[in-house]
Amino acid sequence: HDHVLPALLQAGVTQAQLDTMLVD
């Protein structure tokens, strides 16, 4: 949560894509 997710968001991964990976 402190490093990987912010790096993914900065690299262009959308919040919706993260929600799919981590929730759905």
PDBML (XML) file of the C-alpha atoms, coordinates in Angstrom:
<?xml version="1.0" encoding="UTF-8" ?>
<PDBx:datablock datablockName="MODEL"
   xmlns:PDBx="http://pdbml.pdb.org/schema/pdbx-v50.xsd"
   xmlns:xsi="http://www.w3.org/2001/XMLSchema-instance"
   xsi:schemaLocation="http://pdbml.pdb.org/schema/pdbx-v50.xsd pdbx-v50.xsd">
   <PDBx:atom_siteCategory>
      <PDBx:atom_site id="1">
         <PDBx:B_iso_or_equiv>0.00</PDBx:B_iso_or_equiv>
         <PDBx:Cartn_x>0.000</PDBx:Cartn_x>
         <PDBx:Cartn_y>0.000</PDBx:Cartn_y>
         <PDBx:Cartn_z>0.000</PDBx:Cartn_z>
         <PDBx:auth_asym_id>A</PDBx:auth_asym_id>
         <PDBx:auth_atom_id>CA</PDBx:auth_atom_id>
         <PDBx:auth_comp_id>HIS</PDBx:auth_comp_id>
         <PDBx:auth_seq_id>1</PDBx:auth_seq_id>
         <PDBx:group_PDB>ATOM</PDBx:group_PDB>
         <PDBx:label_alt_id xsi:nil="true" />
         <PDBx:label_asym_id>A</PDBx:label_asym_id>
         <PDBx:label_atom_id>CA</PDBx:label_atom_id>
         <PDBx:label_comp_id>HIS</PDBx:label_comp_id>
         <PDBx:label_entity_id>1</PDBx:label_entity_id>
         <PDBx:label_seq_id>1</PDBx:label_seq_id>
         <PDBx:occupancy>1.00</PDBx:occupancy>
         <PDBx:pdbx_PDB_model_num>1</PDBx:pdbx_PDB_model_num>
         <PDBx:type_symbol>C</PDBx:type_symbol>
      </PDBx:atom_site>
      <PDBx:atom_site id="2">
         <PDBx:B_iso_or_equiv>0.00</PDBx:B_iso_or_equiv>
         <PDBx:Cartn_x>2.847</PDBx:Cartn_x>
         <PDBx:Cartn_y>2.418</PDBx:Cartn_y>
         <PDBx:Cartn_z>0.690</PDBx:Cartn_z>
         <PDBx:auth_asym_id>A</PDBx:auth_asym_id>
         <PDBx:auth_atom_id>CA</PDBx:auth_atom_id>
         <PDBx:auth_comp_id>ASP</PDBx:auth_comp_id>
         <PDBx:auth_seq_id>2</PDBx:auth_seq_id>
         <PDBx:group_PDB>ATOM</PDBx:group_PDB>
         <PDBx:label_alt_id xsi:nil="true" />
         <PDBx:label_asym_id>A</PDBx:label_asym_id>
         <PDBx:label_atom_id>CA</PDBx:label_atom_id>
         <PDBx:label_comp_id>ASP</PDBx:label_comp_id>
         <PDBx:label_entity_id>1</PDBx:label_entity_id>
         <PDBx:label_seq_id>2</PDBx:label_seq_id>
         <PDBx:occupancy>1.00</PDBx:occupancy>
         <PDBx:pdbx_PDB_model_num>1</PDBx:pdbx_PDB_model_num>
         <PDBx:type_symbol>C</PDBx:type_symbol>
      </PDBx:atom_site>
      <PDBx:atom_site id="3">
         <PDBx:B_iso_or_equiv>0.00</PDBx:B_iso_or_equiv>
         <PDBx:Cartn_x>4.992</PDBx:Cartn_x>
         <PDBx:Cartn_y>1.769</PDBx:Cartn_y>
         <PDBx:Cartn_z>-2.380</PDBx:Cartn_z>
         <PDBx:auth_asym_id>A</PDBx:auth_asym_id>
         <PDBx:auth_atom_id>CA</PDBx:auth_atom_id>
         <PDBx:auth_comp_id>HIS</PDBx:auth_comp_id>
         <PDBx:auth_seq_id>3</PDBx:auth_seq_id>
         <PDBx:group_PDB>ATOM</PDBx:group_PDB>
         <PDBx:label_alt_id xsi:nil="true" />
         <PDBx:label_asym_id>A</PDBx:label_asym_id>
         <PDBx:label_atom_id>CA</PDBx:label_atom_id>
         <PDBx:label_comp_id>HIS</PDBx:label_comp_id>
         <PDBx:label_entity_id>1</PDBx:label_entity_id>
         <PDBx:label_seq_id>3</PDBx:label_seq_id>
         <PDBx:occupancy>1.00</PDBx:occupancy>
         <PDBx:pdbx_PDB_model_num>1</PDBx:pdbx_PDB_model_num>
         <PDBx:type_symbol>C</PDBx:type_symbol>
      </PDBx:atom_site>
      <PDBx:atom_site id="4">
         <PDBx:B_iso_or_equiv>0.00</PDBx:B_iso_or_equiv>
         <PDBx:Cartn_x>3.655</PDBx:Cartn_x>
         <PDBx:Cartn_y>-0.696</PDBx:Cartn_y>
         <PDBx:Cartn_z>-4.952</PDBx:Cartn_z>
         <PDBx:auth_asym_id>A</PDBx:auth_asym_id>
         <PDBx:auth_atom_id>CA</PDBx:auth_atom_id>
         <PDBx:auth_comp_id>VAL</PDBx:auth_comp_id>
         <PDBx:auth_seq_id>4</PDBx:auth_seq_id>
         <PDBx:group_PDB>ATOM</PDBx:group_PDB>
         <PDBx:label_alt_id xsi:nil="true" />
         <PDBx:label_asym_id>A</PDBx:label_asym_id>
         <PDBx:label_atom_id>CA</PDBx:label_atom_id>
         <PDBx:label_comp_id>VAL</PDBx:label_comp_id>
         <PDBx:label_entity_id>1</PDBx:label_entity_id>
         <PDBx:label_seq_id>4</PDBx:label_seq_id>
         <PDBx:occupancy>1.00</PDBx:occupancy>
         <PDBx:pdbx_PDB_model_num>1</PDBx:pdbx_PDB_model_num>
         <PDBx:type_symbol>C</PDBx:type_symbol>
      </PDBx:atom_site>
      <PDBx:atom_site id="5">
         <PDBx:B_iso_or_equiv>0.00</PDBx:B_iso_or_equiv>
         <PDBx:Cartn_x>0.139</PDBx:Cartn_x>
         <PDBx:Cartn_y>0.686</PDBx:Cartn_y>
         <PDBx:Cartn_z>-5.447</PDBx:Cartn_z>
         <PDBx:auth_asym_id>A</PDBx:auth_asym_id>
         <PDBx:auth_atom_id>CA</PDBx:auth_atom_id>
         <PDBx:auth_comp_id>LEU</PDBx:auth_comp_id>
         <PDBx:auth_seq_id>5</PDBx:auth_seq_id>
         <PDBx:group_PDB>ATOM</PDBx:group_PDB>
         <PDBx:label_alt_id xsi:nil="true" />
         <PDBx:label_asym_id>A</PDBx:label_asym_id>
         <PDBx:label_atom_id>CA</PDBx:label_atom_id>
         <PDBx:label_comp_id>LEU</PDBx:label_comp_id>
         <PDBx:label_entity_id>1</PDBx:label_entity_id>
         <PDBx:label_seq_id>5</PDBx:label_seq_id>
         <PDBx:occupancy>1.00</PDBx:occupancy>
         <PDBx:pdbx_PDB_model_num>1</PDBx:pdbx_PDB_model_num>
         <PDBx:type_symbol>C</PDBx:type_symbol>
      </PDBx:atom_site>
      <PDBx:atom_site id="6">
         <PDBx:B_iso_or_equiv>0.00</PDBx:B_iso_or_equiv>
         <PDBx:Cartn_x>1.255</PDBx:Cartn_x>
         <PDBx:Cartn_y>4.339</PDBx:Cartn_y>
         <PDBx:Cartn_z>-5.735</PDBx:Cartn_z>
         <PDBx:auth_asym_id>A</PDBx:auth_asym_id>
         <PDBx:auth_atom_id>CA</PDBx:auth_atom_id>
         <PDBx:auth_comp_id>PRO</PDBx:auth_comp_id>
         <PDBx:auth_seq_id>6</PDBx:auth_seq_id>
         <PDBx:group_PDB>ATOM</PDBx:group_PDB>
         <PDBx:label_alt_id xsi:nil="true" />
         <PDBx:label_asym_id>A</PDBx:label_asym_id>
         <PDBx:label_atom_id>CA</PDBx:label_atom_id>
         <PDBx:label_comp_id>PRO</PDBx:label_comp_id>
         <PDBx:label_entity_id>1</PDBx:label_entity_id>
         <PDBx:label_seq_id>6</PDBx:label_seq_id>
         <PDBx:occupancy>1.00</PDBx:occupancy>
         <PDBx:pdbx_PDB_model_num>1</PDBx:pdbx_PDB_model_num>
         <PDBx:type_symbol>C</PDBx:type_symbol>
      </PDBx:atom_site>
      <PDBx:atom_site id="7">
         <PDBx:B_iso_or_equiv>0.00</PDBx:B_iso_or_equiv>
         <PDBx:Cartn_x>3.928</PDBx:Cartn_x>
         <PDBx:Cartn_y>3.280</PDBx:Cartn_y>
         <PDBx:Cartn_z>-8.253</PDBx:Cartn_z>
         <PDBx:auth_asym_id>A</PDBx:auth_asym_id>
         <PDBx:auth_atom_id>CA</PDBx:auth_atom_id>
         <PDBx:auth_comp_id>ALA</PDBx:auth_comp_id>
         <PDBx:auth_seq_id>7</PDBx:auth_seq_id>
         <PDBx:group_PDB>ATOM</PDBx:group_PDB>
         <PDBx:label_alt_id xsi:nil="true" />
         <PDBx:label_asym_id>A</PDBx:label_asym_id>
         <PDBx:label_atom_id>CA</PDBx:label_atom_id>
         <PDBx:label_comp_id>ALA</PDBx:label_comp_id>
         <PDBx:label_entity_id>1</PDBx:label_entity_id>
         <PDBx:label_seq_id>7</PDBx:label_seq_id>
         <PDBx:occupancy>1.00</PDBx:occupancy>
         <PDBx:pdbx_PDB_model_num>1</PDBx:pdbx_PDB_model_num>
         <PDBx:type_symbol>C</PDBx:type_symbol>
      </PDBx:atom_site>
      <PDBx:atom_site id="8">
         <PDBx:B_iso_or_equiv>0.00</PDBx:B_iso_or_equiv>
         <PDBx:Cartn_x>1.323</PDBx:Cartn_x>
         <PDBx:Cartn_y>1.436</PDBx:Cartn_y>
         <PDBx:Cartn_z>-10.315</PDBx:Cartn_z>
         <PDBx:auth_asym_id>A</PDBx:auth_asym_id>
         <PDBx:auth_atom_id>CA</PDBx:auth_atom_id>
         <PDBx:auth_comp_id>LEU</PDBx:auth_comp_id>
         <PDBx:auth_seq_id>8</PDBx:auth_seq_id>
         <PDBx:group_PDB>ATOM</PDBx:group_PDB>
         <PDBx:label_alt_id xsi:nil="true" />
         <PDBx:label_asym_id>A</PDBx:label_asym_id>
         <PDBx:label_atom_id>CA</PDBx:label_atom_id>
         <PDBx:label_comp_id>LEU</PDBx:label_comp_id>
         <PDBx:label_entity_id>1</PDBx:label_entity_id>
         <PDBx:label_seq_id>8</PDBx:label_seq_id>
         <PDBx:occupancy>1.00</PDBx:occupancy>
         <PDBx:pdbx_PDB_model_num>1</PDBx:pdbx_PDB_model_num>
         <PDBx:type_symbol>C</PDBx:type_symbol>
      </PDBx:atom_site>
      <PDBx:atom_site id="9">
         <PDBx:B_iso_or_equiv>0.00</PDBx:B_iso_or_equiv>
         <PDBx:Cartn_x>-0.985</PDBx:Cartn_x>
         <PDBx:Cartn_y>4.464</PDBx:Cartn_y>
         <PDBx:Cartn_z>-10.280</PDBx:Cartn_z>
         <PDBx:auth_asym_id>A</PDBx:auth_asym_id>
         <PDBx:auth_atom_id>CA</PDBx:auth_atom_id>
         <PDBx:auth_comp_id>LEU</PDBx:auth_comp_id>
         <PDBx:auth_seq_id>9</PDBx:auth_seq_id>
         <PDBx:group_PDB>ATOM</PDBx:group_PDB>
         <PDBx:label_alt_id xsi:nil="true" />
         <PDBx:label_asym_id>A</PDBx:label_asym_id>
         <PDBx:label_atom_id>CA</PDBx:label_atom_id>
         <PDBx:label_comp_id>LEU</PDBx:label_comp_id>
         <PDBx:label_entity_id>1</PDBx:label_entity_id>
         <PDBx:label_seq_id>9</PDBx:label_seq_id>
         <PDBx:occupancy>1.00</PDBx:occupancy>
         <PDBx:pdbx_PDB_model_num>1</PDBx:pdbx_PDB_model_num>
         <PDBx:type_symbol>C</PDBx:type_symbol>
      </PDBx:atom_site>
      <PDBx:atom_site id="10">
         <PDBx:B_iso_or_equiv>0.00</PDBx:B_iso_or_equiv>
         <PDBx:Cartn_x>1.882</PDBx:Cartn_x>
         <PDBx:Cartn_y>6.724</PDBx:Cartn_y>
         <PDBx:Cartn_z>-11.327</PDBx:Cartn_z>
         <PDBx:auth_asym_id>A</PDBx:auth_asym_id>
         <PDBx:auth_atom_id>CA</PDBx:auth_atom_id>
         <PDBx:auth_comp_id>GLN</PDBx:auth_comp_id>
         <PDBx:auth_seq_id>10</PDBx:auth_seq_id>
         <PDBx:group_PDB>ATOM</PDBx:group_PDB>
         <PDBx:label_alt_id xsi:nil="true" />
         <PDBx:label_asym_id>A</PDBx:label_asym_id>
         <PDBx:label_atom_id>CA</PDBx:label_atom_id>
         <PDBx:label_comp_id>GLN</PDBx:label_comp_id>
         <PDBx:label_entity_id>1</PDBx:label_entity_id>
         <PDBx:label_seq_id>10</PDBx:label_seq_id>
         <PDBx:occupancy>1.00</PDBx:occupancy>
         <PDBx:pdbx_PDB_model_num>1</PDBx:pdbx_PDB_model_num>
         <PDBx:type_symbol>C</PDBx:type_symbol>
      </PDBx:atom_site>
      <PDBx:atom_site id="11">
         <PDBx:B_iso_or_equiv>0.00</PDBx:B_iso_or_equiv>
         <PDBx:Cartn_x>2.746</PDBx:Cartn_x>
         <PDBx:Cartn_y>4.293</PDBx:Cartn_y>
         <PDBx:Cartn_z>-14.138</PDBx:Cartn_z>
         <PDBx:auth_asym_id>A</PDBx:auth_asym_id>
         <PDBx:auth_atom_id>CA</PDBx:auth_atom_id>
         <PDBx:auth_comp_id>ALA</PDBx:auth_comp_id>
         <PDBx:auth_seq_id>11</PDBx:auth_seq_id>
         <PDBx:group_PDB>ATOM</PDBx:group_PDB>
         <PDBx:label_alt_id xsi:nil="true" />
         <PDBx:label_asym_id>A</PDBx:label_asym_id>
         <PDBx:label_atom_id>CA</PDBx:label_atom_id>
         <PDBx:label_comp_id>ALA</PDBx:label_comp_id>
         <PDBx:label_entity_id>1</PDBx:label_entity_id>
         <PDBx:label_seq_id>11</PDBx:label_seq_id>
         <PDBx:occupancy>1.00</PDBx:occupancy>
         <PDBx:pdbx_PDB_model_num>1</PDBx:pdbx_PDB_model_num>
         <PDBx:type_symbol>C</PDBx:type_symbol>
      </PDBx:atom_site>
      <PDBx:atom_site id="12">
         <PDBx:B_iso_or_equiv>0.00</PDBx:B_iso_or_equiv>
         <PDBx:Cartn_x>-0.764</PDBx:Cartn_x>
         <PDBx:Cartn_y>4.653</PDBx:Cartn_y>
         <PDBx:Cartn_z>-15.549</PDBx:Cartn_z>
         <PDBx:auth_asym_id>A</PDBx:auth_asym_id>
         <PDBx:auth_atom_id>CA</PDBx:auth_atom_id>
         <PDBx:auth_comp_id>GLY</PDBx:auth_comp_id>
         <PDBx:auth_seq_id>12</PDBx:auth_seq_id>
         <PDBx:group_PDB>ATOM</PDBx:group_PDB>
         <PDBx:label_alt_id xsi:nil="true" />
         <PDBx:label_asym_id>A</PDBx:label_asym_id>
         <PDBx:label_atom_id>CA</PDBx:label_atom_id>
         <PDBx:label_comp_id>GLY</PDBx:label_comp_id>
         <PDBx:label_entity_id>1</PDBx:label_entity_id>
         <PDBx:label_seq_id>12</PDBx:label_seq_id>
         <PDBx:occupancy>1.00</PDBx:occupancy>
         <PDBx:pdbx_PDB_model_num>1</PDBx:pdbx_PDB_model_num>
         <PDBx:type_symbol>C</PDBx:type_symbol>
      </PDBx:atom_site>
      <PDBx:atom_site id="13">
         <PDBx:B_iso_or_equiv>0.00</PDBx:B_iso_or_equiv>
         <PDBx:Cartn_x>-2.694</PDBx:Cartn_x>
         <PDBx:Cartn_y>1.789</PDBx:Cartn_y>
         <PDBx:Cartn_z>-13.985</PDBx:Cartn_z>
         <PDBx:auth_asym_id>A</PDBx:auth_asym_id>
         <PDBx:auth_atom_id>CA</PDBx:auth_atom_id>
         <PDBx:auth_comp_id>VAL</PDBx:auth_comp_id>
         <PDBx:auth_seq_id>13</PDBx:auth_seq_id>
         <PDBx:group_PDB>ATOM</PDBx:group_PDB>
         <PDBx:label_alt_id xsi:nil="true" />
         <PDBx:label_asym_id>A</PDBx:label_asym_id>
         <PDBx:label_atom_id>CA</PDBx:label_atom_id>
         <PDBx:label_comp_id>VAL</PDBx:label_comp_id>
         <PDBx:label_entity_id>1</PDBx:label_entity_id>
         <PDBx:label_seq_id>13</PDBx:label_seq_id>
         <PDBx:occupancy>1.00</PDBx:occupancy>
         <PDBx:pdbx_PDB_model_num>1</PDBx:pdbx_PDB_model_num>
         <PDBx:type_symbol>C</PDBx:type_symbol>
      </PDBx:atom_site>
      <PDBx:atom_site id="14">
         <PDBx:B_iso_or_equiv>0.00</PDBx:B_iso_or_equiv>
         <PDBx:Cartn_x>-6.185</PDBx:Cartn_x>
         <PDBx:Cartn_y>3.062</PDBx:Cartn_y>
         <PDBx:Cartn_z>-13.240</PDBx:Cartn_z>
         <PDBx:auth_asym_id>A</PDBx:auth_asym_id>
         <PDBx:auth_atom_id>CA</PDBx:auth_atom_id>
         <PDBx:auth_comp_id>THR</PDBx:auth_comp_id>
         <PDBx:auth_seq_id>14</PDBx:auth_seq_id>
         <PDBx:group_PDB>ATOM</PDBx:group_PDB>
         <PDBx:label_alt_id xsi:nil="true" />
         <PDBx:label_asym_id>A</PDBx:label_asym_id>
         <PDBx:label_atom_id>CA</PDBx:label_atom_id>
         <PDBx:label_comp_id>THR</PDBx:label_comp_id>
         <PDBx:label_entity_id>1</PDBx:label_entity_id>
         <PDBx:label_seq_id>14</PDBx:label_seq_id>
         <PDBx:occupancy>1.00</PDBx:occupancy>
         <PDBx:pdbx_PDB_model_num>1</PDBx:pdbx_PDB_model_num>
         <PDBx:type_symbol>C</PDBx:type_symbol>
      </PDBx:atom_site>
      <PDBx:atom_site id="15">
         <PDBx:B_iso_or_equiv>0.00</PDBx:B_iso_or_equiv>
         <PDBx:Cartn_x>-7.974</PDBx:Cartn_x>
         <PDBx:Cartn_y>2.789</PDBx:Cartn_y>
         <PDBx:Cartn_z>-9.930</PDBx:Cartn_z>
         <PDBx:auth_asym_id>A</PDBx:auth_asym_id>
         <PDBx:auth_atom_id>CA</PDBx:auth_atom_id>
         <PDBx:auth_comp_id>GLN</PDBx:auth_comp_id>
         <PDBx:auth_seq_id>15</PDBx:auth_seq_id>
         <PDBx:group_PDB>ATOM</PDBx:group_PDB>
         <PDBx:label_alt_id xsi:nil="true" />
         <PDBx:label_asym_id>A</PDBx:label_asym_id>
         <PDBx:label_atom_id>CA</PDBx:label_atom_id>
         <PDBx:label_comp_id>GLN</PDBx:label_comp_id>
         <PDBx:label_entity_id>1</PDBx:label_entity_id>
         <PDBx:label_seq_id>15</PDBx:label_seq_id>
         <PDBx:occupancy>1.00</PDBx:occupancy>
         <PDBx:pdbx_PDB_model_num>1</PDBx:pdbx_PDB_model_num>
         <PDBx:type_symbol>C</PDBx:type_symbol>
      </PDBx:atom_site>
      <PDBx:atom_site id="16">
         <PDBx:B_iso_or_equiv>0.00</PDBx:B_iso_or_equiv>
         <PDBx:Cartn_x>-10.587</PDBx:Cartn_x>
         <PDBx:Cartn_y>0.644</PDBx:Cartn_y>
         <PDBx:Cartn_z>-11.656</PDBx:Cartn_z>
         <PDBx:auth_asym_id>A</PDBx:auth_asym_id>
         <PDBx:auth_atom_id>CA</PDBx:auth_atom_id>
         <PDBx:auth_comp_id>ALA</PDBx:auth_comp_id>
         <PDBx:auth_seq_id>16</PDBx:auth_seq_id>
         <PDBx:group_PDB>ATOM</PDBx:group_PDB>
         <PDBx:label_alt_id xsi:nil="true" />
         <PDBx:label_asym_id>A</PDBx:label_asym_id>
         <PDBx:label_atom_id>CA</PDBx:label_atom_id>
         <PDBx:label_comp_id>ALA</PDBx:label_comp_id>
         <PDBx:label_entity_id>1</PDBx:label_entity_id>
         <PDBx:label_seq_id>16</PDBx:label_seq_id>
         <PDBx:occupancy>1.00</PDBx:occupancy>
         <PDBx:pdbx_PDB_model_num>1</PDBx:pdbx_PDB_model_num>
         <PDBx:type_symbol>C</PDBx:type_symbol>
      </PDBx:atom_site>
      <PDBx:atom_site id="17">
         <PDBx:B_iso_or_equiv>0.00</PDBx:B_iso_or_equiv>
         <PDBx:Cartn_x>-7.863</PDBx:Cartn_x>
         <PDBx:Cartn_y>-1.776</PDBx:Cartn_y>
         <PDBx:Cartn_z>-12.770</PDBx:Cartn_z>
         <PDBx:auth_asym_id>A</PDBx:auth_asym_id>
         <PDBx:auth_atom_id>CA</PDBx:auth_atom_id>
         <PDBx:auth_comp_id>GLN</PDBx:auth_comp_id>
         <PDBx:auth_seq_id>17</PDBx:auth_seq_id>
         <PDBx:group_PDB>ATOM</PDBx:group_PDB>
         <PDBx:label_alt_id xsi:nil="true" />
         <PDBx:label_asym_id>A</PDBx:label_asym_id>
         <PDBx:label_atom_id>CA</PDBx:label_atom_id>
         <PDBx:label_comp_id>GLN</PDBx:label_comp_id>
         <PDBx:label_entity_id>1</PDBx:label_entity_id>
         <PDBx:label_seq_id>17</PDBx:label_seq_id>
         <PDBx:occupancy>1.00</PDBx:occupancy>
         <PDBx:pdbx_PDB_model_num>1</PDBx:pdbx_PDB_model_num>
         <PDBx:type_symbol>C</PDBx:type_symbol>
      </PDBx:atom_site>
      <PDBx:atom_site id="18">
         <PDBx:B_iso_or_equiv>0.00</PDBx:B_iso_or_equiv>
         <PDBx:Cartn_x>-6.471</PDBx:Cartn_x>
         <PDBx:Cartn_y>-1.922</PDBx:Cartn_y>
         <PDBx:Cartn_z>-9.233</PDBx:Cartn_z>
         <PDBx:auth_asym_id>A</PDBx:auth_asym_id>
         <PDBx:auth_atom_id>CA</PDBx:auth_atom_id>
         <PDBx:auth_comp_id>LEU</PDBx:auth_comp_id>
         <PDBx:auth_seq_id>18</PDBx:auth_seq_id>
         <PDBx:group_PDB>ATOM</PDBx:group_PDB>
         <PDBx:label_alt_id xsi:nil="true" />
         <PDBx:label_asym_id>A</PDBx:label_asym_id>
         <PDBx:label_atom_id>CA</PDBx:label_atom_id>
         <PDBx:label_comp_id>LEU</PDBx:label_comp_id>
         <PDBx:label_entity_id>1</PDBx:label_entity_id>
         <PDBx:label_seq_id>18</PDBx:label_seq_id>
         <PDBx:occupancy>1.00</PDBx:occupancy>
         <PDBx:pdbx_PDB_model_num>1</PDBx:pdbx_PDB_model_num>
         <PDBx:type_symbol>C</PDBx:type_symbol>
      </PDBx:atom_site>
      <PDBx:atom_site id="19">
         <PDBx:B_iso_or_equiv>0.00</PDBx:B_iso_or_equiv>
         <PDBx:Cartn_x>-9.965</PDBx:Cartn_x>
         <PDBx:Cartn_y>-2.578</PDBx:Cartn_y>
         <PDBx:Cartn_z>-7.897</PDBx:Cartn_z>
         <PDBx:auth_asym_id>A</PDBx:auth_asym_id>
         <PDBx:auth_atom_id>CA</PDBx:auth_atom_id>
         <PDBx:auth_comp_id>ASP</PDBx:auth_comp_id>
         <PDBx:auth_seq_id>19</PDBx:auth_seq_id>
         <PDBx:group_PDB>ATOM</PDBx:group_PDB>
         <PDBx:label_alt_id xsi:nil="true" />
         <PDBx:label_asym_id>A</PDBx:label_asym_id>
         <PDBx:label_atom_id>CA</PDBx:label_atom_id>
         <PDBx:label_comp_id>ASP</PDBx:label_comp_id>
         <PDBx:label_entity_id>1</PDBx:label_entity_id>
         <PDBx:label_seq_id>19</PDBx:label_seq_id>
         <PDBx:occupancy>1.00</PDBx:occupancy>
         <PDBx:pdbx_PDB_model_num>1</PDBx:pdbx_PDB_model_num>
         <PDBx:type_symbol>C</PDBx:type_symbol>
      </PDBx:atom_site>
      <PDBx:atom_site id="20">
         <PDBx:B_iso_or_equiv>0.00</PDBx:B_iso_or_equiv>
         <PDBx:Cartn_x>-10.306</PDBx:Cartn_x>
         <PDBx:Cartn_y>-5.452</PDBx:Cartn_y>
         <PDBx:Cartn_z>-10.345</PDBx:Cartn_z>
         <PDBx:auth_asym_id>A</PDBx:auth_asym_id>
         <PDBx:auth_atom_id>CA</PDBx:auth_atom_id>
         <PDBx:auth_comp_id>THR</PDBx:auth_comp_id>
         <PDBx:auth_seq_id>20</PDBx:auth_seq_id>
         <PDBx:group_PDB>ATOM</PDBx:group_PDB>
         <PDBx:label_alt_id xsi:nil="true" />
         <PDBx:label_asym_id>A</PDBx:label_asym_id>
         <PDBx:label_atom_id>CA</PDBx:label_atom_id>
         <PDBx:label_comp_id>THR</PDBx:label_comp_id>
         <PDBx:label_entity_id>1</PDBx:label_entity_id>
         <PDBx:label_seq_id>20</PDBx:label_seq_id>
         <PDBx:occupancy>1.00</PDBx:occupancy>
         <PDBx:pdbx_PDB_model_num>1</PDBx:pdbx_PDB_model_num>
         <PDBx:type_symbol>C</PDBx:type_symbol>
      </PDBx:atom_site>
      <PDBx:atom_site id="21">
         <PDBx:B_iso_or_equiv>0.00</PDBx:B_iso_or_equiv>
         <PDBx:Cartn_x>-6.956</PDBx:Cartn_x>
         <PDBx:Cartn_y>-6.933</PDBx:Cartn_y>
         <PDBx:Cartn_z>-9.274</PDBx:Cartn_z>
         <PDBx:auth_asym_id>A</PDBx:auth_asym_id>
         <PDBx:auth_atom_id>CA</PDBx:auth_atom_id>
         <PDBx:auth_comp_id>MET</PDBx:auth_comp_id>
         <PDBx:auth_seq_id>21</PDBx:auth_seq_id>
         <PDBx:group_PDB>ATOM</PDBx:group_PDB>
         <PDBx:label_alt_id xsi:nil="true" />
         <PDBx:label_asym_id>A</PDBx:label_asym_id>
         <PDBx:label_atom_id>CA</PDBx:label_atom_id>
         <PDBx:label_comp_id>MET</PDBx:label_comp_id>
         <PDBx:label_entity_id>1</PDBx:label_entity_id>
         <PDBx:label_seq_id>21</PDBx:label_seq_id>
         <PDBx:occupancy>1.00</PDBx:occupancy>
         <PDBx:pdbx_PDB_model_num>1</PDBx:pdbx_PDB_model_num>
         <PDBx:type_symbol>C</PDBx:type_symbol>
      </PDBx:atom_site>
      <PDBx:atom_site id="22">
         <PDBx:B_iso_or_equiv>0.00</PDBx:B_iso_or_equiv>
         <PDBx:Cartn_x>-7.382</PDBx:Cartn_x>
         <PDBx:Cartn_y>-6.440</PDBx:Cartn_y>
         <PDBx:Cartn_z>-5.534</PDBx:Cartn_z>
         <PDBx:auth_asym_id>A</PDBx:auth_asym_id>
         <PDBx:auth_atom_id>CA</PDBx:auth_atom_id>
         <PDBx:auth_comp_id>LEU</PDBx:auth_comp_id>
         <PDBx:auth_seq_id>22</PDBx:auth_seq_id>
         <PDBx:group_PDB>ATOM</PDBx:group_PDB>
         <PDBx:label_alt_id xsi:nil="true" />
         <PDBx:label_asym_id>A</PDBx:label_asym_id>
         <PDBx:label_atom_id>CA</PDBx:label_atom_id>
         <PDBx:label_comp_id>LEU</PDBx:label_comp_id>
         <PDBx:label_entity_id>1</PDBx:label_entity_id>
         <PDBx:label_seq_id>22</PDBx:label_seq_id>
         <PDBx:occupancy>1.00</PDBx:occupancy>
         <PDBx:pdbx_PDB_model_num>1</PDBx:pdbx_PDB_model_num>
         <PDBx:type_symbol>C</PDBx:type_symbol>
      </PDBx:atom_site>
      <PDBx:atom_site id="23">
         <PDBx:B_iso_or_equiv>0.00</PDBx:B_iso_or_equiv>
         <PDBx:Cartn_x>-11.151</PDBx:Cartn_x>
         <PDBx:Cartn_y>-6.753</PDBx:Cartn_y>
         <PDBx:Cartn_z>-4.982</PDBx:Cartn_z>
         <PDBx:auth_asym_id>A</PDBx:auth_asym_id>
         <PDBx:auth_atom_id>CA</PDBx:auth_atom_id>
         <PDBx:auth_comp_id>VAL</PDBx:auth_comp_id>
         <PDBx:auth_seq_id>23</PDBx:auth_seq_id>
         <PDBx:group_PDB>ATOM</PDBx:group_PDB>
         <PDBx:label_alt_id xsi:nil="true" />
         <PDBx:label_asym_id>A</PDBx:label_asym_id>
         <PDBx:label_atom_id>CA</PDBx:label_atom_id>
         <PDBx:label_comp_id>VAL</PDBx:label_comp_id>
         <PDBx:label_entity_id>1</PDBx:label_entity_id>
         <PDBx:label_seq_id>23</PDBx:label_seq_id>
         <PDBx:occupancy>1.00</PDBx:occupancy>
         <PDBx:pdbx_PDB_model_num>1</PDBx:pdbx_PDB_model_num>
         <PDBx:type_symbol>C</PDBx:type_symbol>
      </PDBx:atom_site>
      <PDBx:atom_site id="24">
         <PDBx:B_iso_or_equiv>0.00</PDBx:B_iso_or_equiv>
         <PDBx:Cartn_x>-13.041</PDBx:Cartn_x>
         <PDBx:Cartn_y>-8.271</PDBx:Cartn_y>
         <PDBx:Cartn_z>-7.884</PDBx:Cartn_z>
         <PDBx:auth_asym_id>A</PDBx:auth_asym_id>
         <PDBx:auth_atom_id>CA</PDBx:auth_atom_id>
         <PDBx:auth_comp_id>ASP</PDBx:auth_comp_id>
         <PDBx:auth_seq_id>24</PDBx:auth_seq_id>
         <PDBx:group_PDB>ATOM</PDBx:group_PDB>
         <PDBx:label_alt_id xsi:nil="true" />
         <PDBx:label_asym_id>A</PDBx:label_asym_id>
         <PDBx:label_atom_id>CA</PDBx:label_atom_id>
         <PDBx:label_comp_id>ASP</PDBx:label_comp_id>
         <PDBx:label_entity_id>1</PDBx:label_entity_id>
         <PDBx:label_seq_id>24</PDBx:label_seq_id>
         <PDBx:occupancy>1.00</PDBx:occupancy>
         <PDBx:pdbx_PDB_model_num>1</PDBx:pdbx_PDB_model_num>
         <PDBx:type_symbol>C</PDBx:type_symbol>
      </PDBx:atom_site>
   </PDBx:atom_siteCategory>
</PDBx:datablock>
